[in-house]
Amino acid sequence: MMATALAAAALLGTSVTAAQAQTTRAAGTWHCSGVKISRCIQKVAADKVRVNFVNKTYKAVKGTFGVTCQGGSGQRVYELKKNLTARGGYLSGTITCPAGSRTTAVGWQITADTYYSPTISI
């Protein structure tokens, strides 16, 4: 489906950003927030989530990016990467949430402030 969307965009002479492509690829399953930095999260299995962070600005983003899995036994924090390059800096990761921390998950970006993806149920 993603190839079809990209091919259609090429024929129309439009460009498709990574965030738009992922939304097209998995319509209804990606949950995104952010304008300058796209923060998206998706449930991929009963115990796994996938996050995508995309920098759409002309400046590098100095910060930390990660995921937190939460549940009845507490929470587990995963730091994925520090800093994103300018204009199209991209980070994608799939996290397996441990037993006891499989109720919800949220992606996050810590720069001068903290920004979150939508929280999803797993």
C-alpha atoms as a PDB file:
ATOM      1  CA  MET A   1       0.000   0.000   0.000  1.00  0.00           C
ATOM      2  CA  MET A   2       2.865   2.378   0.814  1.00  0.00           C
ATOM      3  CA  ALA A   3       4.457   1.721  -2.570  1.00  0.00           C
ATOM      4  CA  THR A   4       1.149   2.601  -4.236  1.00  0.00           C
ATOM      5  CA  ALA A   5       0.910   5.869  -2.296  1.00  0.00           C
ATOM      6  CA  LEU A   6       4.500   6.769  -3.115  1.00  0.00           C
ATOM      7  CA  ALA A   7       4.013   5.883  -6.791  1.00  0.00           C
ATOM      8  CA  ALA A   8       0.867   8.014  -6.937  1.00  0.00           C
ATOM      9  CA  ALA A   9       2.725  10.921  -5.333  1.00  0.00           C
ATOM     10  CA  ALA A  10       5.534  10.546  -7.882  1.00  0.00           C
ATOM     11  CA  LEU A  11       3.062  10.627 -10.773  1.00  0.00           C
ATOM     12  CA  LEU A  12       1.394  13.730  -9.381  1.00  0.00           C
ATOM     13  CA  GLY A  13       4.737  15.421  -8.827  1.00  0.00           C
ATOM     14  CA  THR A  14       4.212  15.800  -5.095  1.00  0.00           C
ATOM     15  CA  SER A  15       6.543  14.837  -2.327  1.00  0.00           C
ATOM     16  CA  VAL A  16       5.640  12.537   0.516  1.00  0.00           C
ATOM     17  CA  THR A  17       7.336  12.926   3.886  1.00  0.00           C
ATOM     18  CA  ALA A  18       8.127   9.919   6.052  1.00  0.00           C
ATOM     19  CA  ALA A  19       5.359  10.884   8.479  1.00  0.00           C
ATOM     20  CA  GLN A  20       2.807  11.083   5.662  1.00  0.00           C
ATOM     21  CA  ALA A  21       4.015   7.784   4.233  1.00  0.00           C
ATOM     22  CA  GLN A  22       3.683   5.970   7.535  1.00  0.00           C
ATOM     23  CA  THR A  23       0.170   7.349   7.987  1.00  0.00           C
ATOM     24  CA  THR A  24      -0.739   6.161   4.495  1.00  0.00           C
ATOM     25  CA  ARG A  25       0.927   2.784   4.982  1.00  0.00           C
ATOM     26  CA  ALA A  26      -0.988   1.882   8.116  1.00  0.00           C
ATOM     27  CA  ALA A  27      -4.122   3.982   8.061  1.00  0.00           C
ATOM     28  CA  GLY A  28      -5.809   3.966  11.431  1.00  0.00           C
ATOM     29  CA  THR A  29      -2.964   2.308  13.331  1.00  0.00           C
ATOM     30  CA  TRP A  30      -0.433   5.132  13.723  1.00  0.00           C
ATOM     31  CA  HIS A  31      -1.121   7.671  16.463  1.00  0.00           C
ATOM     32  CA  CYS A  32       0.826  10.896  15.919  1.00  0.00           C
ATOM     33  CA  SER A  33       1.405  14.296  17.470  1.00  0.00           C
ATOM     34  CA  GLY A  34       3.723  17.200  16.742  1.00  0.00           C
ATOM     35  CA  VAL A  35       4.165  19.615  13.885  1.00  0.00           C
ATOM     36  CA  LYS A  36       7.888  20.354  13.711  1.00  0.00           C
ATOM     37  CA  ILE A  37       8.874  16.996  15.162  1.00  0.00           C
ATOM     38  CA  SER A  38       6.485  14.175  14.317  1.00  0.00           C
ATOM     39  CA  ARG A  39       6.094  11.701  17.203  1.00  0.00           C
ATOM     40  CA  CYS A  40       4.190   8.570  16.164  1.00  0.00           C
ATOM     41  CA  ILE A  41       3.455   5.297  17.947  1.00  0.00           C
ATOM     42  CA  GLN A  42       1.826   2.059  16.778  1.00  0.00           C
ATOM     43  CA  LYS A  43       0.930  -1.248  18.434  1.00  0.00           C
ATOM     44  CA  VAL A  44       2.508  -4.061  16.382  1.00  0.00           C
ATOM     45  CA  ALA A  45       1.866  -7.088  18.647  1.00  0.00           C
ATOM     46  CA  ALA A  46       0.415  -7.970  22.049  1.00  0.00           C
ATOM     47  CA  ASP A  47       3.714  -6.968  23.671  1.00  0.00           C
ATOM     48  CA  LYS A  48       5.361  -4.683  21.073  1.00  0.00           C
ATOM     49  CA  VAL A  49       5.104  -1.059  20.005  1.00  0.00           C
ATOM     50  CA  ARG A  50       6.823   0.827  17.199  1.00  0.00           C
ATOM     51  CA  VAL A  51       7.718   4.518  17.368  1.00  0.00           C
ATOM     52  CA  ASN A  52       8.813   6.943  14.662  1.00  0.00           C
ATOM     53  CA  PHE A  53      10.273  10.383  15.250  1.00  0.00           C
ATOM     54  CA  VAL A  54      10.777  12.670  12.229  1.00  0.00           C
ATOM     55  CA  ASN A  55      12.462  16.091  12.304  1.00  0.00           C
ATOM     56  CA  LYS A  56      10.765  18.401   9.772  1.00  0.00           C
ATOM     57  CA  THR A  57      12.781  21.519  10.678  1.00  0.00           C
ATOM     58  CA  TYR A  58      15.931  22.991   9.146  1.00  0.00           C
ATOM     59  CA  LYS A  59      17.790  22.694  12.472  1.00  0.00           C
ATOM     60  CA  ALA A  60      19.159  19.654  14.239  1.00  0.00           C
ATOM     61  CA  VAL A  61      17.180  18.700  17.329  1.00  0.00           C
ATOM     62  CA  LYS A  62      19.343  18.207  20.395  1.00  0.00           C
ATOM     63  CA  GLY A  63      17.451  16.003  22.799  1.00  0.00           C
ATOM     64  CA  THR A  64      16.664  12.489  23.880  1.00  0.00           C
ATOM     65  CA  PHE A  65      14.011  10.257  22.309  1.00  0.00           C
ATOM     66  CA  GLY A  66      12.447   7.140  23.779  1.00  0.00           C
ATOM     67  CA  VAL A  67       9.461   5.057  24.844  1.00  0.00           C
ATOM     68  CA  THR A  68       7.855   4.255  28.187  1.00  0.00           C
ATOM     69  CA  CYS A  69       5.826   1.058  28.705  1.00  0.00           C
ATOM     70  CA  GLN A  70       3.461   1.151  31.689  1.00  0.00           C
ATOM     71  CA  GLY A  71       1.397  -1.424  33.528  1.00  0.00           C
ATOM     72  CA  GLY A  72       0.402  -2.967  36.838  1.00  0.00           C
ATOM     73  CA  SER A  73       4.000  -3.707  37.835  1.00  0.00           C
ATOM     74  CA  GLY A  74       5.232  -0.179  37.111  1.00  0.00           C
ATOM     75  CA  GLN A  75       6.930   1.277  34.082  1.00  0.00           C
ATOM     76  CA  ARG A  76       9.917   0.546  31.889  1.00  0.00           C
ATOM     77  CA  VAL A  77      11.757   3.397  30.145  1.00  0.00           C
ATOM     78  CA  TYR A  78      13.702   2.853  26.913  1.00  0.00           C
ATOM     79  CA  GLU A  79      16.024   5.569  25.610  1.00  0.00           C
ATOM     80  CA  LEU A  80      16.374   5.122  21.859  1.00  0.00           C
ATOM     81  CA  LYS A  81      18.602   7.939  20.633  1.00  0.00           C
ATOM     82  CA  LYS A  82      19.963  11.386  21.272  1.00  0.00           C
ATOM     83  CA  ASN A  83      19.618  14.147  18.660  1.00  0.00           C
ATOM     84  CA  LEU A  84      18.021  14.160  15.207  1.00  0.00           C
ATOM     85  CA  THR A  85      19.623  15.689  12.136  1.00  0.00           C
ATOM     86  CA  ALA A  86      17.985  18.580  10.320  1.00  0.00           C
ATOM     87  CA  ARG A  87      15.306  18.164   7.638  1.00  0.00           C
ATOM     88  CA  GLY A  88      14.322  14.556   7.656  1.00  0.00           C
ATOM     89  CA  GLY A  89      16.272  13.233  10.635  1.00  0.00           C
ATOM     90  CA  TYR A  90      14.472   9.980  11.310  1.00  0.00           C
ATOM     91  CA  LEU A  91      14.355   7.496  14.177  1.00  0.00           C
ATOM     92  CA  SER A  92      12.322   4.325  14.206  1.00  0.00           C
ATOM     93  CA  GLY A  93      12.352   1.615  16.829  1.00  0.00           C
ATOM     94  CA  THR A  94      10.362  -1.411  17.902  1.00  0.00           C
ATOM     95  CA  ILE A  95      10.204  -2.090  21.629  1.00  0.00           C
ATOM     96  CA  THR A  96       9.087  -5.253  23.404  1.00  0.00           C
ATOM     97  CA  CYS A  97       7.369  -4.213  26.611  1.00  0.00           C
ATOM     98  CA  PRO A  98       8.083  -6.595  29.511  1.00  0.00           C
ATOM     99  CA  ALA A  99       5.362  -8.550  31.331  1.00  0.00           C
ATOM    100  CA  GLY A 100       3.696  -6.322  33.914  1.00  0.00           C
ATOM    101  CA  SER A 101       4.306  -3.215  31.793  1.00  0.00           C
ATOM    102  CA  ARG A 102       1.991  -3.949  28.892  1.00  0.00           C
ATOM    103  CA  THR A 103      -1.036  -1.767  29.617  1.00  0.00           C
ATOM    104  CA  THR A 104      -0.056   1.463  27.829  1.00  0.00           C
ATOM    105  CA  ALA A 105       2.893   2.935  25.959  1.00  0.00           C
ATOM    106  CA  VAL A 106       3.961   6.453  25.035  1.00  0.00           C
ATOM    107  CA  GLY A 107       6.809   7.873  22.957  1.00  0.00           C
ATOM    108  CA  TRP A 108       8.625  10.953  24.231  1.00  0.00           C
ATOM    109  CA  GLN A 109      11.082  13.662  23.254  1.00  0.00           C
ATOM    110  CA  ILE A 110      13.044  15.565  25.897  1.00  0.00           C
ATOM    111  CA  THR A 111      14.531  18.824  24.660  1.00  0.00           C
ATOM    112  CA  ALA A 112      14.075  22.156  26.481  1.00  0.00           C
ATOM    113  CA  ASP A 113      10.579  20.807  27.218  1.00  0.00           C
ATOM    114  CA  THR A 114       9.147  17.295  27.150  1.00  0.00           C
ATOM    115  CA  TYR A 115       6.795  16.305  24.323  1.00  0.00           C
ATOM    116  CA  TYR A 116       4.815  13.092  23.994  1.00  0.00           C
ATOM    117  CA  SER A 117       3.223  10.953  21.323  1.00  0.00           C
ATOM    118  CA  PRO A 118      -0.346   9.928  22.056  1.00  0.00           C
ATOM    119  CA  THR A 119      -0.614   7.204  24.706  1.00  0.00           C
ATOM    120  CA  ILE A 120      -1.822   3.875  23.299  1.00  0.00           C
ATOM    121  CA  SER A 121      -3.114   0.675  24.858  1.00  0.00           C
ATOM    122  CA  ILE A 122      -1.118  -2.482  24.202  1.00  0.00           C
END
